[in-house]
Amino acid sequence: MNTAAFLAKVRAAVGNHLSEVIALRNERAIKNDQSYVTRGDMLLDQLIRDLVTAEGANVRLVSEEDAKVGLVDTTGYLVVVDPIDGTE
């Protein structure tokens, strides 16, 4: 994986959807762990998840919005996602 190219794709995806993320900032949902998440965070999480999936099997993802307790396979690349919206 070319890290600079991957980050450029993430930056472009976020930029292309920024107005939608901002519009969803006040819409909240409850995650499986009973904590709140904004729909904007969920959108950002899905955008990045889709980009990671497109990179192939050598890239793993750990996301705040879908965190699972336990060990993570750290072979290859590891992408850690904590969306920028921030639930208040």
N, C-alpha and C. Protein backbone atom coordinates (compact mmCIF):
# COMPACT_ATOMS: atom_id res chain seq x y z
N MET A 1 0.85 -1.18 0.00
CA MET A 1 0.00 0.00 0.00
C MET A 1 0.89 1.24 0.00
N ASN A 2 0.55 2.17 -0.83
CA ASN A 2 1.22 3.45 -0.86
C ASN A 2 0.50 4.35 0.15
N THR A 3 1.13 4.60 1.29
CA THR A 3 0.48 5.33 2.38
C THR A 3 0.07 6.73 1.96
N ALA A 4 0.93 7.45 1.27
CA ALA A 4 0.60 8.81 0.85
C ALA A 4 -0.61 8.82 -0.09
N ALA A 5 -0.66 7.88 -1.01
CA ALA A 5 -1.79 7.80 -1.94
C ALA A 5 -3.07 7.43 -1.20
N PHE A 6 -2.97 6.51 -0.24
CA PHE A 6 -4.14 6.12 0.55
C PHE A 6 -4.68 7.32 1.34
N LEU A 7 -3.79 8.05 2.00
CA LEU A 7 -4.22 9.21 2.78
C LEU A 7 -4.82 10.29 1.88
N ALA A 8 -4.32 10.42 0.66
CA ALA A 8 -4.90 11.37 -0.29
C ALA A 8 -6.33 10.96 -0.65
N LYS A 9 -6.57 9.65 -0.79
CA LYS A 9 -7.93 9.16 -1.06
C LYS A 9 -8.85 9.45 0.12
N VAL A 10 -8.35 9.25 1.34
CA VAL A 10 -9.16 9.52 2.53
C VAL A 10 -9.48 11.01 2.59
N ARG A 11 -8.49 11.85 2.39
CA ARG A 11 -8.68 13.30 2.43
C ARG A 11 -9.72 13.72 1.38
N ALA A 12 -9.64 13.17 0.18
CA ALA A 12 -10.58 13.51 -0.88
C ALA A 12 -11.99 13.04 -0.54
N ALA A 13 -12.12 11.83 -0.01
CA ALA A 13 -13.44 11.30 0.34
C ALA A 13 -14.09 12.14 1.43
N VAL A 14 -13.31 12.50 2.44
CA VAL A 14 -13.85 13.34 3.52
C VAL A 14 -14.23 14.71 2.98
N GLY A 15 -13.36 15.30 2.18
CA GLY A 15 -13.65 16.61 1.60
C GLY A 15 -14.90 16.60 0.73
N ASN A 16 -15.09 15.55 -0.04
CA ASN A 16 -16.24 15.44 -0.93
C ASN A 16 -17.55 15.27 -0.16
N HIS A 17 -17.48 14.81 1.07
CA HIS A 17 -18.68 14.56 1.86
C HIS A 17 -18.79 15.46 3.09
N LEU A 18 -17.93 16.47 3.18
CA LEU A 18 -17.87 17.28 4.39
C LEU A 18 -19.20 17.99 4.70
N SER A 19 -19.86 18.52 3.70
CA SER A 19 -21.13 19.21 3.97
C SER A 19 -22.17 18.23 4.50
N GLU A 20 -22.17 17.01 4.00
CA GLU A 20 -23.09 15.99 4.49
C GLU A 20 -22.76 15.59 5.93
N VAL A 21 -21.47 15.45 6.22
CA VAL A 21 -21.04 15.12 7.59
C VAL A 21 -21.48 16.21 8.56
N ILE A 22 -21.28 17.46 8.18
CA ILE A 22 -21.67 18.57 9.04
C ILE A 22 -23.19 18.59 9.24
N ALA A 23 -23.94 18.31 8.18
CA ALA A 23 -25.40 18.29 8.28
C ALA A 23 -25.88 17.18 9.21
N LEU A 24 -25.11 16.10 9.32
CA LEU A 24 -25.51 14.96 10.16
C LEU A 24 -24.95 15.04 11.58
N ARG A 25 -24.28 16.12 11.89
CA ARG A 25 -23.60 16.25 13.18
C ARG A 25 -24.53 16.18 14.38
N ASN A 26 -25.75 16.65 14.23
CA ASN A 26 -26.68 16.67 15.37
C ASN A 26 -27.64 15.48 15.39
N GLU A 27 -27.51 14.60 14.42
CA GLU A 27 -28.33 13.39 14.42
C GLU A 27 -27.56 12.29 15.12
N ARG A 28 -28.13 11.79 16.20
CA ARG A 28 -27.42 10.79 17.00
C ARG A 28 -28.09 9.43 16.94
N ALA A 29 -27.29 8.42 17.14
CA ALA A 29 -27.77 7.04 17.23
C ALA A 29 -27.09 6.41 18.44
N ILE A 30 -27.55 5.25 18.82
CA ILE A 30 -26.93 4.51 19.93
C ILE A 30 -26.24 3.29 19.34
N LYS A 31 -24.95 3.15 19.68
CA LYS A 31 -24.16 2.01 19.21
C LYS A 31 -24.50 0.76 20.03
N ASN A 32 -23.97 -0.37 19.61
CA ASN A 32 -24.19 -1.63 20.31
C ASN A 32 -23.73 -1.58 21.76
N ASP A 33 -22.71 -0.76 22.04
CA ASP A 33 -22.21 -0.67 23.43
C ASP A 33 -23.00 0.36 24.25
N GLN A 34 -24.10 0.85 23.68
CA GLN A 34 -25.01 1.80 24.32
C GLN A 34 -24.45 3.23 24.43
N SER A 35 -23.36 3.52 23.76
CA SER A 35 -22.85 4.89 23.72
C SER A 35 -23.42 5.58 22.48
N TYR A 36 -23.38 6.90 22.50
CA TYR A 36 -23.92 7.67 21.39
C TYR A 36 -22.89 7.86 20.30
N VAL A 37 -23.38 8.01 19.09
CA VAL A 37 -22.55 8.30 17.93
C VAL A 37 -23.36 9.21 17.01
N THR A 38 -22.69 10.17 16.38
CA THR A 38 -23.42 11.00 15.42
C THR A 38 -23.47 10.27 14.08
N ARG A 39 -24.47 10.59 13.31
CA ARG A 39 -24.57 10.00 11.97
C ARG A 39 -23.42 10.50 11.09
N GLY A 40 -22.90 11.68 11.40
CA GLY A 40 -21.72 12.17 10.69
C GLY A 40 -20.51 11.28 10.93
N ASP A 41 -20.30 10.88 12.19
CA ASP A 41 -19.21 9.95 12.50
C ASP A 41 -19.41 8.62 11.79
N MET A 42 -20.65 8.15 11.75
CA MET A 42 -20.92 6.87 11.09
C MET A 42 -20.65 6.96 9.59
N LEU A 43 -20.98 8.11 8.99
CA LEU A 43 -20.69 8.30 7.57
C LEU A 43 -19.19 8.30 7.32
N LEU A 44 -18.44 9.06 8.12
CA LEU A 44 -16.98 9.08 7.97
C LEU A 44 -16.39 7.69 8.16
N ASP A 45 -16.87 6.98 9.16
CA ASP A 45 -16.39 5.63 9.42
C ASP A 45 -16.62 4.74 8.19
N GLN A 46 -17.81 4.82 7.60
CA GLN A 46 -18.11 3.97 6.44
C GLN A 46 -17.28 4.35 5.22
N LEU A 47 -17.07 5.65 5.01
CA LEU A 47 -16.23 6.09 3.88
C LEU A 47 -14.82 5.51 4.01
N ILE A 48 -14.25 5.61 5.20
CA ILE A 48 -12.88 5.11 5.41
C ILE A 48 -12.86 3.59 5.35
N ARG A 49 -13.87 2.95 5.92
CA ARG A 49 -13.97 1.48 5.87
C ARG A 49 -13.99 1.00 4.41
N ASP A 50 -14.76 1.68 3.57
CA ASP A 50 -14.83 1.30 2.15
C ASP A 50 -13.47 1.45 1.48
N LEU A 51 -12.74 2.52 1.79
CA LEU A 51 -11.40 2.72 1.21
C LEU A 51 -10.43 1.64 1.68
N VAL A 52 -10.51 1.28 2.96
CA VAL A 52 -9.64 0.23 3.50
C VAL A 52 -9.96 -1.11 2.82
N THR A 53 -11.23 -1.42 2.66
CA THR A 53 -11.63 -2.66 2.01
C THR A 53 -11.10 -2.72 0.58
N ALA A 54 -11.15 -1.59 -0.11
CA ALA A 54 -10.66 -1.53 -1.49
C ALA A 54 -9.16 -1.76 -1.59
N GLU A 55 -8.43 -1.49 -0.50
CA GLU A 55 -6.97 -1.68 -0.50
C GLU A 55 -6.59 -3.15 -0.49
N GLY A 56 -7.47 -4.01 0.00
CA GLY A 56 -7.20 -5.44 -0.05
C GLY A 56 -6.95 -6.08 1.31
N ALA A 57 -6.62 -7.34 1.28
CA ALA A 57 -6.53 -8.16 2.49
C ALA A 57 -5.35 -7.80 3.38
N ASN A 58 -4.39 -7.04 2.89
CA ASN A 58 -3.20 -6.72 3.67
C ASN A 58 -3.40 -5.51 4.58
N VAL A 59 -4.64 -4.98 4.62
CA VAL A 59 -4.93 -3.80 5.42
C VAL A 59 -6.03 -4.15 6.42
N ARG A 60 -5.76 -3.90 7.70
CA ARG A 60 -6.73 -4.15 8.77
C ARG A 60 -7.27 -2.82 9.29
N LEU A 61 -8.48 -2.85 9.83
CA LEU A 61 -9.10 -1.63 10.32
C LEU A 61 -9.57 -1.82 11.75
N VAL A 62 -9.26 -0.84 12.60
CA VAL A 62 -9.81 -0.77 13.96
C VAL A 62 -10.53 0.56 14.02
N SER A 63 -11.81 0.52 14.36
CA SER A 63 -12.62 1.73 14.35
C SER A 63 -13.27 1.97 15.69
N GLU A 64 -13.26 3.22 16.12
CA GLU A 64 -13.93 3.59 17.37
C GLU A 64 -15.42 3.27 17.29
N GLU A 65 -16.01 3.43 16.13
CA GLU A 65 -17.46 3.25 16.00
C GLU A 65 -17.88 1.80 15.99
N ASP A 66 -16.95 0.89 15.78
CA ASP A 66 -17.27 -0.53 15.75
C ASP A 66 -16.19 -1.33 16.47
N ALA A 67 -15.72 -0.78 17.58
CA ALA A 67 -14.61 -1.40 18.31
C ALA A 67 -15.02 -2.75 18.88
N LYS A 68 -14.15 -3.70 18.69
CA LYS A 68 -14.34 -5.02 19.27
C LYS A 68 -13.19 -5.27 20.23
N VAL A 69 -13.51 -5.77 21.39
CA VAL A 69 -12.49 -6.02 22.39
C VAL A 69 -11.76 -7.31 22.02
N GLY A 70 -10.46 -7.27 22.12
CA GLY A 70 -9.68 -8.47 21.84
C GLY A 70 -8.46 -8.14 21.01
N LEU A 71 -7.81 -9.17 20.55
CA LEU A 71 -6.59 -9.00 19.77
C LEU A 71 -6.92 -8.64 18.33
N VAL A 72 -6.07 -7.84 17.73
CA VAL A 72 -6.22 -7.45 16.35
C VAL A 72 -5.06 -8.02 15.57
N ASP A 73 -5.34 -8.60 14.42
CA ASP A 73 -4.29 -9.10 13.55
C ASP A 73 -3.52 -7.89 13.02
N THR A 74 -2.26 -7.79 13.38
CA THR A 74 -1.47 -6.62 12.99
C THR A 74 -0.48 -6.93 11.87
N THR A 75 -0.69 -8.03 11.15
CA THR A 75 0.16 -8.27 9.99
C THR A 75 -0.26 -7.30 8.88
N GLY A 76 0.67 -6.84 8.11
CA GLY A 76 0.35 -5.88 7.06
C GLY A 76 0.15 -4.50 7.65
N TYR A 77 -0.74 -3.74 7.06
CA TYR A 77 -1.03 -2.38 7.51
C TYR A 77 -2.20 -2.36 8.47
N LEU A 78 -2.17 -1.44 9.42
CA LEU A 78 -3.25 -1.27 10.38
C LEU A 78 -3.74 0.18 10.30
N VAL A 79 -5.04 0.35 10.04
CA VAL A 79 -5.64 1.68 9.98
C VAL A 79 -6.54 1.82 11.20
N VAL A 80 -6.30 2.86 11.99
CA VAL A 80 -7.11 3.13 13.18
C VAL A 80 -7.97 4.36 12.88
N VAL A 81 -9.29 4.21 13.06
CA VAL A 81 -10.22 5.28 12.71
C VAL A 81 -10.91 5.80 13.95
N ASP A 82 -10.83 7.11 14.13
CA ASP A 82 -11.58 7.81 15.16
C ASP A 82 -12.15 9.04 14.46
N PRO A 83 -13.36 8.92 13.91
CA PRO A 83 -13.92 10.02 13.11
C PRO A 83 -13.84 11.37 13.81
N ILE A 84 -13.77 12.39 13.00
CA ILE A 84 -13.48 13.74 13.49
C ILE A 84 -14.67 14.50 14.03
N ASP A 85 -15.88 14.03 13.81
CA ASP A 85 -17.06 14.82 14.15
C ASP A 85 -17.15 15.07 15.65
N GLY A 86 -17.09 14.03 16.45
CA GLY A 86 -17.12 14.19 17.90
C GLY A 86 -18.51 14.33 18.46
N THR A 87 -19.00 13.30 19.11
CA THR A 87 -20.32 13.34 19.73
C THR A 87 -20.23 14.10 21.04
N GLU A 88 -21.14 15.05 21.22
CA GLU A 88 -21.13 15.84 22.44
C GLU A 88 -22.14 15.30 23.42
